[in-house]
Amino acid sequence: MLFIRVTLQAWRDEVLESLKRGGPVCQHAAQYILDNNVEIGFARQSTSARWTLREKIELNPKLYSLETEPDSPKLLGTTTHEATHLEQGAALALSVEGEVGGWKAEYSARAELGDPITDSHWRAVALTPDFPTDQDLRRARSEMLEMAGWGYLIWLLPLRPNFWTRLVGRIQRVISGKRSRA
């Protein structure tokens, strides 16, 4: 019996190739990850994945591993979601508005990959206008909580970027060595 050990880098490369074969949302995520040399790894957490201030994507090892098929629509949707947050920057990503953007990207990616999300709460979030009012964001937050429960800490985030999220954004730019965004 022949065992082939897949390295994290080789697996990441296969994930990116799978994203490139998707539609425009998937392709955009792949390009962002490539252009910014975003690492993809694994870390224990309460959600399926997260982005870090060091501009990494960390997947939950209870849900994903090097044995996860690199073309898994759930994996690719999750990766697209987190890449969206990295592209947004911490100030926006740490708000309900930013999280709505992540959910919308994941919803679109899954549809592009032929595995659409059918949950009515997801759909409601995905239909949030691109330029949402505060009421739109409150409604989206309620839908997220209905689906994910109070353990999903969206209820702690401001509706839109504020002083504190912008401060974290500045810290992120210092950590990553990037210049300030206009």
N, C-alpha and C. Protein backbone atom coordinates (compact mmCIF):
# COMPACT_ATOMS: atom_id res chain seq x y z
N MET A 1 0.84 -1.16 0.00
CA MET A 1 0.00 0.00 0.00
C MET A 1 0.89 1.24 0.00
N LEU A 2 0.59 2.17 -0.89
CA LEU A 2 1.38 3.39 -1.03
C LEU A 2 0.67 4.54 -0.33
N PHE A 3 1.37 5.18 0.61
CA PHE A 3 0.82 6.34 1.30
C PHE A 3 1.53 7.59 0.80
N ILE A 4 0.76 8.57 0.45
CA ILE A 4 1.33 9.83 0.00
C ILE A 4 1.00 10.87 1.05
N ARG A 5 2.03 11.45 1.62
CA ARG A 5 1.82 12.50 2.62
C ARG A 5 1.74 13.84 1.90
N VAL A 6 0.62 14.50 2.06
CA VAL A 6 0.41 15.80 1.44
C VAL A 6 0.94 16.88 2.39
N THR A 7 1.72 17.78 1.85
CA THR A 7 2.19 18.90 2.68
C THR A 7 1.13 19.98 2.70
N LEU A 8 1.18 20.82 3.71
CA LEU A 8 0.23 21.91 3.82
C LEU A 8 0.31 22.83 2.60
N GLN A 9 1.53 23.12 2.13
CA GLN A 9 1.69 24.00 0.98
C GLN A 9 1.09 23.37 -0.28
N ALA A 10 1.31 22.08 -0.48
CA ALA A 10 0.76 21.42 -1.67
C ALA A 10 -0.77 21.41 -1.61
N TRP A 11 -1.31 21.17 -0.43
CA TRP A 11 -2.77 21.15 -0.25
C TRP A 11 -3.34 22.55 -0.51
N ARG A 12 -2.68 23.59 0.03
CA ARG A 12 -3.11 24.98 -0.18
C ARG A 12 -3.11 25.28 -1.68
N ASP A 13 -2.07 24.86 -2.37
CA ASP A 13 -1.99 25.10 -3.82
C ASP A 13 -3.17 24.44 -4.55
N GLU A 14 -3.54 23.24 -4.13
CA GLU A 14 -4.68 22.55 -4.74
C GLU A 14 -5.99 23.27 -4.43
N VAL A 15 -6.12 23.79 -3.21
CA VAL A 15 -7.30 24.57 -2.84
C VAL A 15 -7.40 25.80 -3.75
N LEU A 16 -6.29 26.49 -3.95
CA LEU A 16 -6.31 27.69 -4.79
C LEU A 16 -6.63 27.35 -6.25
N GLU A 17 -6.11 26.23 -6.74
CA GLU A 17 -6.44 25.81 -8.11
C GLU A 17 -7.94 25.52 -8.22
N SER A 18 -8.51 24.91 -7.18
CA SER A 18 -9.95 24.64 -7.19
C SER A 18 -10.75 25.94 -7.18
N LEU A 19 -10.31 26.92 -6.39
CA LEU A 19 -10.98 28.22 -6.39
C LEU A 19 -10.91 28.88 -7.76
N LYS A 20 -9.77 28.78 -8.41
CA LYS A 20 -9.60 29.39 -9.74
C LYS A 20 -10.56 28.79 -10.77
N ARG A 21 -10.96 27.54 -10.55
CA ARG A 21 -11.90 26.88 -11.48
C ARG A 21 -13.35 27.28 -11.19
N GLY A 22 -13.59 28.00 -10.10
CA GLY A 22 -14.93 28.47 -9.76
C GLY A 22 -15.29 29.69 -10.58
N GLY A 23 -16.34 30.34 -10.15
CA GLY A 23 -16.78 31.55 -10.83
C GLY A 23 -16.03 32.78 -10.35
N PRO A 24 -16.51 33.96 -10.68
CA PRO A 24 -15.80 35.20 -10.38
C PRO A 24 -15.51 35.43 -8.89
N VAL A 25 -16.44 35.08 -8.01
CA VAL A 25 -16.21 35.29 -6.58
C VAL A 25 -15.08 34.38 -6.09
N CYS A 26 -15.10 33.13 -6.50
CA CYS A 26 -14.04 32.18 -6.12
C CYS A 26 -12.70 32.61 -6.71
N GLN A 27 -12.71 32.99 -7.96
CA GLN A 27 -11.48 33.41 -8.63
C GLN A 27 -10.88 34.64 -7.95
N HIS A 28 -11.74 35.57 -7.55
CA HIS A 28 -11.26 36.77 -6.86
C HIS A 28 -10.59 36.39 -5.54
N ALA A 29 -11.21 35.49 -4.79
CA ALA A 29 -10.63 35.05 -3.51
C ALA A 29 -9.27 34.39 -3.75
N ALA A 30 -9.19 33.53 -4.75
CA ALA A 30 -7.91 32.86 -5.05
C ALA A 30 -6.84 33.89 -5.40
N GLN A 31 -7.20 34.86 -6.20
CA GLN A 31 -6.22 35.88 -6.60
C GLN A 31 -5.77 36.71 -5.40
N TYR A 32 -6.70 37.05 -4.53
CA TYR A 32 -6.33 37.82 -3.33
C TYR A 32 -5.35 37.01 -2.46
N ILE A 33 -5.66 35.74 -2.26
CA ILE A 33 -4.80 34.88 -1.44
C ILE A 33 -3.41 34.77 -2.07
N LEU A 34 -3.35 34.60 -3.38
CA LEU A 34 -2.06 34.50 -4.07
C LEU A 34 -1.30 35.83 -4.02
N ASP A 35 -1.97 36.92 -4.35
CA ASP A 35 -1.31 38.23 -4.39
C ASP A 35 -0.76 38.65 -3.04
N ASN A 36 -1.42 38.21 -1.97
CA ASN A 36 -1.04 38.61 -0.62
C ASN A 36 -0.35 37.51 0.16
N ASN A 37 -0.04 36.41 -0.53
CA ASN A 37 0.65 35.28 0.08
C ASN A 37 0.02 34.88 1.42
N VAL A 38 -1.30 34.75 1.41
CA VAL A 38 -2.05 34.40 2.61
C VAL A 38 -1.82 32.92 2.93
N GLU A 39 -1.39 32.66 4.15
CA GLU A 39 -1.23 31.28 4.61
C GLU A 39 -2.58 30.70 4.97
N ILE A 40 -2.74 29.42 4.73
CA ILE A 40 -3.93 28.70 5.16
C ILE A 40 -3.45 27.59 6.09
N GLY A 41 -4.00 27.55 7.28
CA GLY A 41 -3.60 26.53 8.25
C GLY A 41 -4.79 26.08 9.08
N PHE A 42 -4.50 25.51 10.23
CA PHE A 42 -5.53 24.95 11.09
C PHE A 42 -5.32 25.42 12.52
N ALA A 43 -6.42 25.70 13.22
CA ALA A 43 -6.35 26.09 14.63
C ALA A 43 -7.71 25.81 15.27
N ARG A 44 -7.67 25.30 16.51
CA ARG A 44 -8.92 25.04 17.22
C ARG A 44 -9.67 26.35 17.46
N GLN A 45 -11.01 26.27 17.32
CA GLN A 45 -11.85 27.44 17.46
C GLN A 45 -13.30 27.02 17.51
N SER A 46 -14.18 27.97 17.78
CA SER A 46 -15.60 27.66 17.89
C SER A 46 -16.35 27.82 16.57
N THR A 47 -15.72 28.38 15.56
CA THR A 47 -16.35 28.56 14.26
C THR A 47 -15.65 27.66 13.23
N SER A 48 -16.13 27.67 12.01
CA SER A 48 -15.53 26.81 10.99
C SER A 48 -14.17 27.32 10.52
N ALA A 49 -13.96 28.63 10.64
CA ALA A 49 -12.69 29.23 10.23
C ALA A 49 -12.60 30.64 10.78
N ARG A 50 -11.41 31.21 10.68
CA ARG A 50 -11.22 32.61 11.10
C ARG A 50 -10.04 33.18 10.33
N TRP A 51 -9.99 34.51 10.32
CA TRP A 51 -8.85 35.23 9.77
C TRP A 51 -8.08 35.77 10.97
N THR A 52 -6.80 36.04 10.79
CA THR A 52 -6.01 36.56 11.90
C THR A 52 -5.42 37.92 11.54
N LEU A 53 -4.98 38.63 12.57
CA LEU A 53 -4.33 39.92 12.34
C LEU A 53 -3.02 39.76 11.58
N ARG A 54 -2.46 38.58 11.59
CA ARG A 54 -1.25 38.30 10.81
C ARG A 54 -1.59 37.88 9.37
N GLU A 55 -2.85 38.09 9.02
CA GLU A 55 -3.36 37.85 7.67
C GLU A 55 -3.21 36.39 7.24
N LYS A 56 -3.68 35.52 8.09
CA LYS A 56 -3.75 34.09 7.81
C LYS A 56 -5.21 33.65 7.87
N ILE A 57 -5.48 32.55 7.21
CA ILE A 57 -6.77 31.89 7.33
C ILE A 57 -6.53 30.62 8.12
N GLU A 58 -7.27 30.47 9.21
CA GLU A 58 -7.14 29.28 10.05
C GLU A 58 -8.46 28.52 10.04
N LEU A 59 -8.40 27.28 9.59
CA LEU A 59 -9.57 26.41 9.50
C LEU A 59 -9.70 25.59 10.77
N ASN A 60 -10.92 25.26 11.14
CA ASN A 60 -11.18 24.44 12.31
C ASN A 60 -10.79 22.99 11.99
N PRO A 61 -9.82 22.41 12.74
CA PRO A 61 -9.38 21.05 12.43
C PRO A 61 -10.41 19.97 12.73
N LYS A 62 -11.48 20.31 13.43
CA LYS A 62 -12.57 19.35 13.62
C LYS A 62 -13.40 19.22 12.36
N LEU A 63 -13.31 20.22 11.49
CA LEU A 63 -14.10 20.24 10.26
C LEU A 63 -13.26 20.01 9.00
N TYR A 64 -12.00 20.43 9.05
CA TYR A 64 -11.13 20.37 7.87
C TYR A 64 -9.76 19.83 8.26
N SER A 65 -9.11 19.18 7.30
CA SER A 65 -7.75 18.68 7.49
C SER A 65 -7.10 18.55 6.12
N LEU A 66 -5.85 18.11 6.12
CA LEU A 66 -5.17 17.88 4.84
C LEU A 66 -5.84 16.77 4.04
N GLU A 67 -6.71 16.01 4.69
CA GLU A 67 -7.44 14.95 4.00
C GLU A 67 -8.75 15.46 3.40
N THR A 68 -9.12 16.70 3.70
CA THR A 68 -10.31 17.29 3.09
C THR A 68 -10.01 17.50 1.61
N GLU A 69 -10.93 17.08 0.78
CA GLU A 69 -10.74 17.25 -0.67
C GLU A 69 -10.58 18.74 -0.98
N PRO A 70 -9.53 19.11 -1.70
CA PRO A 70 -9.28 20.52 -2.00
C PRO A 70 -10.37 21.18 -2.85
N ASP A 71 -11.26 20.38 -3.44
CA ASP A 71 -12.34 20.97 -4.23
C ASP A 71 -13.68 20.90 -3.49
N SER A 72 -13.65 20.64 -2.19
CA SER A 72 -14.87 20.60 -1.38
C SER A 72 -15.53 21.98 -1.41
N PRO A 73 -16.78 22.07 -1.87
CA PRO A 73 -17.46 23.37 -1.91
C PRO A 73 -17.55 24.04 -0.53
N LYS A 74 -17.73 23.26 0.52
CA LYS A 74 -17.79 23.87 1.86
C LYS A 74 -16.45 24.50 2.21
N LEU A 75 -15.36 23.79 1.95
CA LEU A 75 -14.02 24.32 2.21
C LEU A 75 -13.77 25.57 1.38
N LEU A 76 -14.10 25.51 0.11
CA LEU A 76 -13.85 26.65 -0.78
C LEU A 76 -14.72 27.86 -0.41
N GLY A 77 -15.97 27.60 -0.02
CA GLY A 77 -16.83 28.68 0.43
C GLY A 77 -16.30 29.33 1.69
N THR A 78 -15.87 28.51 2.63
CA THR A 78 -15.30 29.02 3.89
C THR A 78 -14.04 29.82 3.62
N THR A 79 -13.19 29.32 2.75
CA THR A 79 -11.95 30.02 2.41
C THR A 79 -12.26 31.37 1.76
N THR A 80 -13.25 31.39 0.89
CA THR A 80 -13.67 32.63 0.23
C THR A 80 -14.18 33.64 1.27
N HIS A 81 -14.96 33.14 2.22
CA HIS A 81 -15.49 33.99 3.30
C HIS A 81 -14.35 34.67 4.05
N GLU A 82 -13.36 33.89 4.47
CA GLU A 82 -12.25 34.45 5.26
C GLU A 82 -11.34 35.36 4.42
N ALA A 83 -11.14 35.00 3.15
CA ALA A 83 -10.35 35.86 2.26
C ALA A 83 -11.05 37.22 2.09
N THR A 84 -12.37 37.20 2.06
CA THR A 84 -13.13 38.45 1.97
C THR A 84 -12.83 39.34 3.16
N HIS A 85 -12.79 38.75 4.37
CA HIS A 85 -12.48 39.54 5.56
C HIS A 85 -11.06 40.10 5.51
N LEU A 86 -10.12 39.31 5.06
CA LEU A 86 -8.75 39.82 4.95
C LEU A 86 -8.68 40.98 3.97
N GLU A 87 -9.39 40.86 2.88
CA GLU A 87 -9.40 41.95 1.90
C GLU A 87 -10.10 43.18 2.46
N GLN A 88 -11.14 42.99 3.25
CA GLN A 88 -11.85 44.12 3.86
C GLN A 88 -10.95 44.90 4.81
N GLY A 89 -10.06 44.21 5.49
CA GLY A 89 -9.27 44.82 6.56
C GLY A 89 -10.02 44.68 7.87
N ALA A 90 -9.29 44.75 8.96
CA ALA A 90 -9.87 44.49 10.28
C ALA A 90 -10.99 45.46 10.64
N ALA A 91 -10.85 46.74 10.28
CA ALA A 91 -11.86 47.72 10.69
C ALA A 91 -13.25 47.34 10.18
N LEU A 92 -13.35 46.95 8.91
CA LEU A 92 -14.64 46.55 8.36
C LEU A 92 -15.00 45.12 8.77
N ALA A 93 -14.03 44.21 8.73
CA ALA A 93 -14.30 42.81 9.05
C ALA A 93 -14.86 42.63 10.46
N LEU A 94 -14.47 43.51 11.38
CA LEU A 94 -14.94 43.41 12.76
C LEU A 94 -16.23 44.21 12.98
N SER A 95 -17.11 44.17 12.01
CA SER A 95 -18.41 44.82 12.11
C SER A 95 -19.46 43.91 11.49
N VAL A 96 -20.72 44.17 11.80
CA VAL A 96 -21.80 43.39 11.19
C VAL A 96 -21.76 43.58 9.67
N GLU A 97 -21.50 44.80 9.22
CA GLU A 97 -21.42 45.06 7.78
C GLU A 97 -20.35 44.18 7.12
N GLY A 98 -19.20 44.06 7.77
CA GLY A 98 -18.14 43.22 7.24
C GLY A 98 -18.52 41.75 7.25
N GLU A 99 -19.16 41.31 8.31
CA GLU A 99 -19.57 39.91 8.39
C GLU A 99 -20.62 39.58 7.34
N VAL A 100 -21.51 40.52 7.09
CA VAL A 100 -22.49 40.33 6.01
C VAL A 100 -21.75 40.12 4.68
N GLY A 101 -20.71 40.90 4.45
CA GLY A 101 -19.91 40.72 3.23
C GLY A 101 -19.30 39.34 3.13
N GLY A 102 -18.80 38.83 4.25
CA GLY A 102 -18.24 37.48 4.28
C GLY A 102 -19.29 36.42 3.98
N TRP A 103 -20.45 36.55 4.61
CA TRP A 103 -21.53 35.58 4.38
C TRP A 103 -22.00 35.63 2.93
N LYS A 104 -22.11 36.84 2.37
CA LYS A 104 -22.55 36.97 0.98
C LYS A 104 -21.54 36.33 0.03
N ALA A 105 -20.25 36.52 0.30
CA ALA A 105 -19.21 35.93 -0.55
C ALA A 105 -19.27 34.41 -0.48
N GLU A 106 -19.42 33.87 0.72
CA GLU A 106 -19.50 32.41 0.87
C GLU A 106 -20.74 31.86 0.17
N TYR A 107 -21.85 32.52 0.33
CA TYR A 107 -23.10 32.11 -0.31
C TYR A 107 -22.93 32.08 -1.84
N SER A 108 -22.34 33.13 -2.38
CA SER A 108 -22.12 33.21 -3.84
C SER A 108 -21.12 32.16 -4.30
N ALA A 109 -20.05 31.96 -3.54
CA ALA A 109 -19.05 30.96 -3.91
C ALA A 109 -19.66 29.57 -3.98
N ARG A 110 -20.46 29.23 -2.98
CA ARG A 110 -21.08 27.91 -2.98
C ARG A 110 -22.01 27.73 -4.18
N ALA A 111 -22.72 28.77 -4.56
CA ALA A 111 -23.58 28.69 -5.75
C ALA A 111 -22.74 28.50 -7.00
N GLU A 112 -21.63 29.24 -7.09
CA GLU A 112 -20.74 29.10 -8.25
C GLU A 112 -20.19 27.68 -8.36
N LEU A 113 -20.00 27.03 -7.23
CA LEU A 113 -19.40 25.70 -7.20
C LEU A 113 -20.44 24.58 -7.34
N GLY A 114 -21.68 24.96 -7.57
CA GLY A 114 -22.72 23.96 -7.79
C GLY A 114 -23.24 23.31 -6.51
N ASP A 115 -22.98 23.92 -5.37
CA ASP A 115 -23.44 23.39 -4.09
C ASP A 115 -24.07 24.53 -3.29
N PRO A 116 -25.19 25.06 -3.79
CA PRO A 116 -25.76 26.25 -3.16
C PRO A 116 -26.21 26.00 -1.72
N ILE A 117 -26.09 27.03 -0.91
CA ILE A 117 -26.58 26.99 0.46
C ILE A 117 -28.08 27.21 0.40
N THR A 118 -28.85 26.31 1.02
CA THR A 118 -30.30 26.39 0.92
C THR A 118 -30.97 26.91 2.19
N ASP A 119 -30.21 27.13 3.24
CA ASP A 119 -30.76 27.60 4.50
C ASP A 119 -31.41 28.98 4.32
N SER A 120 -32.63 29.14 4.85
CA SER A 120 -33.36 30.41 4.67
C SER A 120 -32.68 31.58 5.39
N HIS A 121 -32.01 31.33 6.50
CA HIS A 121 -31.31 32.41 7.21
C HIS A 121 -30.11 32.89 6.39
N TRP A 122 -29.36 31.94 5.82
CA TRP A 122 -28.25 32.30 4.94
C TRP A 122 -28.76 33.16 3.78
N ARG A 123 -29.86 32.69 3.18
CA ARG A 123 -30.41 33.40 2.02
C ARG A 123 -30.79 34.83 2.40
N ALA A 124 -31.40 34.99 3.57
CA ALA A 124 -31.80 36.33 4.02
C ALA A 124 -30.58 37.23 4.18
N VAL A 125 -29.50 36.70 4.74
CA VAL A 125 -28.27 37.49 4.89
C VAL A 125 -27.70 37.83 3.50
N ALA A 126 -27.69 36.84 2.62
CA ALA A 126 -27.13 37.04 1.28
C ALA A 126 -27.91 38.09 0.47
N LEU A 127 -29.17 38.26 0.81
CA LEU A 127 -29.99 39.25 0.09
C LEU A 127 -29.90 40.65 0.70
N THR A 128 -29.07 40.83 1.70
CA THR A 128 -28.85 42.15 2.27
C THR A 128 -28.30 43.06 1.17
N PRO A 129 -28.83 44.27 1.03
CA PRO A 129 -28.34 45.17 -0.03
C PRO A 129 -26.84 45.43 0.10
N ASP A 130 -26.20 45.73 -1.01
CA ASP A 130 -24.77 46.04 -1.00
C ASP A 130 -24.46 47.31 -0.21
N PHE A 131 -25.40 48.22 -0.15
CA PHE A 131 -25.24 49.45 0.64
C PHE A 131 -26.34 49.45 1.70
N PRO A 132 -26.15 48.64 2.75
CA PRO A 132 -27.24 48.41 3.71
C PRO A 132 -27.47 49.59 4.66
N THR A 133 -28.72 49.73 5.05
CA THR A 133 -29.07 50.67 6.11
C THR A 133 -28.76 49.99 7.45
N ASP A 134 -28.82 50.75 8.52
CA ASP A 134 -28.64 50.14 9.84
C ASP A 134 -29.71 49.08 10.09
N GLN A 135 -30.93 49.34 9.63
CA GLN A 135 -32.00 48.35 9.80
C GLN A 135 -31.70 47.07 9.02
N ASP A 136 -31.16 47.20 7.82
CA ASP A 136 -30.75 46.01 7.05
C ASP A 136 -29.71 45.20 7.83
N LEU A 137 -28.75 45.89 8.45
CA LEU A 137 -27.70 45.20 9.20
C LEU A 137 -28.25 44.54 10.46
N ARG A 138 -29.19 45.19 11.12
CA ARG A 138 -29.82 44.57 12.30
C ARG A 138 -30.58 43.31 11.91
N ARG A 139 -31.28 43.38 10.79
CA ARG A 139 -32.03 42.23 10.29
C ARG A 139 -31.06 41.08 9.95
N ALA A 140 -29.97 41.40 9.27
CA ALA A 140 -28.98 40.38 8.92
C ALA A 140 -28.38 39.75 10.17
N ARG A 141 -28.05 40.59 11.16
CA ARG A 141 -27.50 40.07 12.42
C ARG A 141 -28.49 39.11 13.08
N SER A 142 -29.76 39.46 13.07
CA SER A 142 -30.79 38.57 13.65
C SER A 142 -30.84 37.23 12.93
N GLU A 143 -30.74 37.27 11.61
CA GLU A 143 -30.75 36.02 10.83
C GLU A 143 -29.52 35.16 11.17
N MET A 144 -28.37 35.81 11.30
CA MET A 144 -27.15 35.08 11.67
C MET A 144 -27.31 34.41 13.02
N LEU A 145 -27.86 35.14 13.97
CA LEU A 145 -28.05 34.58 15.32
C LEU A 145 -29.08 33.46 15.31
N GLU A 146 -30.12 33.59 14.50
CA GLU A 146 -31.11 32.51 14.39
C GLU A 146 -30.45 31.22 13.91
N MET A 147 -29.52 31.36 12.99
CA MET A 147 -28.86 30.19 12.44
C MET A 147 -27.76 29.67 13.35
N ALA A 148 -26.91 30.56 13.82
CA ALA A 148 -25.68 30.13 14.52
C ALA A 148 -25.82 30.12 16.04
N GLY A 149 -26.78 30.83 16.60
CA GLY A 149 -26.95 30.88 18.04
C GLY A 149 -26.08 31.95 18.68
N TRP A 150 -26.30 32.15 19.98
CA TRP A 150 -25.62 33.22 20.71
C TRP A 150 -24.14 32.96 20.91
N GLY A 151 -23.67 31.74 20.68
CA GLY A 151 -22.24 31.46 20.74
C GLY A 151 -21.48 32.13 19.61
N TYR A 152 -22.22 32.49 18.57
CA TYR A 152 -21.64 33.24 17.45
C TYR A 152 -21.66 34.70 17.87
N LEU A 153 -20.52 35.29 18.05
CA LEU A 153 -20.40 36.58 18.73
C LEU A 153 -20.70 37.80 17.88
N ILE A 154 -21.50 37.63 16.85
CA ILE A 154 -21.88 38.76 15.99
C ILE A 154 -22.58 39.84 16.80
N TRP A 155 -23.24 39.46 17.88
CA TRP A 155 -23.97 40.43 18.71
C TRP A 155 -23.03 41.40 19.43
N LEU A 156 -21.73 41.06 19.50
CA LEU A 156 -20.76 41.96 20.12
C LEU A 156 -20.23 43.03 19.17
N LEU A 157 -20.40 42.79 17.88
CA LEU A 157 -19.80 43.70 16.90
C LEU A 157 -20.68 44.92 16.63
N PRO A 158 -20.04 46.06 16.35
CA PRO A 158 -20.82 47.23 15.94
C PRO A 158 -21.41 46.98 14.55
N LEU A 159 -22.46 47.72 14.22
CA LEU A 159 -23.06 47.56 12.89
C LEU A 159 -22.06 47.91 11.79
N ARG A 160 -21.29 48.96 12.01
CA ARG A 160 -20.33 49.44 11.03
C ARG A 160 -19.00 49.71 11.73
N PRO A 161 -17.93 49.90 10.96
CA PRO A 161 -16.65 50.22 11.61
C PRO A 161 -16.79 51.42 12.54
N ASN A 162 -16.08 51.36 13.66
CA ASN A 162 -16.10 52.47 14.60
C ASN A 162 -14.67 52.71 15.09
N PHE A 163 -14.51 53.56 16.08
CA PHE A 163 -13.19 53.89 16.59
C PHE A 163 -12.40 52.63 16.95
N TRP A 164 -13.03 51.70 17.65
CA TRP A 164 -12.32 50.51 18.14
C TRP A 164 -11.92 49.58 17.01
N THR A 165 -12.81 49.39 16.05
CA THR A 165 -12.45 48.50 14.94
C THR A 165 -11.38 49.14 14.07
N ARG A 166 -11.42 50.47 13.94
CA ARG A 166 -10.36 51.16 13.17
C ARG A 166 -9.02 51.07 13.89
N LEU A 167 -9.05 51.13 15.22
CA LEU A 167 -7.82 50.96 15.99
C LEU A 167 -7.22 49.57 15.75
N VAL A 168 -8.06 48.55 15.78
CA VAL A 168 -7.57 47.19 15.50
C VAL A 168 -7.03 47.13 14.07
N GLY A 169 -7.69 47.82 13.13
CA GLY A 169 -7.20 47.87 11.76
C GLY A 169 -5.81 48.46 11.67
N ARG A 170 -5.57 49.51 12.43
CA ARG A 170 -4.22 50.12 12.44
C ARG A 170 -3.20 49.15 13.03
N ILE A 171 -3.59 48.47 14.09
CA ILE A 171 -2.69 47.48 14.70
C ILE A 171 -2.38 46.37 13.69
N GLN A 172 -3.41 45.93 12.96
CA GLN A 172 -3.20 44.89 11.95
C GLN A 172 -2.19 45.35 10.90
N ARG A 173 -2.30 46.60 10.46
CA ARG A 173 -1.36 47.09 9.44
C ARG A 173 0.06 47.13 9.98
N VAL A 174 0.23 47.47 11.26
CA VAL A 174 1.56 47.47 11.87
C VAL A 174 2.11 46.04 11.91
N ILE A 175 1.27 45.11 12.36
CA ILE A 175 1.69 43.71 12.47
C ILE A 175 2.08 43.16 11.10
N SER A 176 1.28 43.48 10.08
CA SER A 176 1.53 42.92 8.75
C SER A 176 2.54 43.73 7.94
N GLY A 177 2.91 44.92 8.43
CA GLY A 177 3.87 45.74 7.72
C GLY A 177 3.29 46.46 6.53
N LYS A 178 1.98 46.59 6.47
CA LYS A 178 1.34 47.28 5.35
C LYS A 178 1.12 48.74 5.67
N ARG A 179 1.10 49.55 4.62
CA ARG A 179 0.82 50.97 4.79
C ARG A 179 -0.68 51.17 5.02
N SER A 180 -1.02 52.29 5.57
CA SER A 180 -2.40 52.64 5.88
C SER A 180 -3.25 52.69 4.61
N ARG A 181 -4.47 52.19 4.71
CA ARG A 181 -5.42 52.28 3.59
C ARG A 181 -6.14 53.60 3.66
N ALA A 182 -6.38 54.19 2.51
CA ALA A 182 -7.09 55.48 2.46
C ALA A 182 -8.56 55.31 2.73
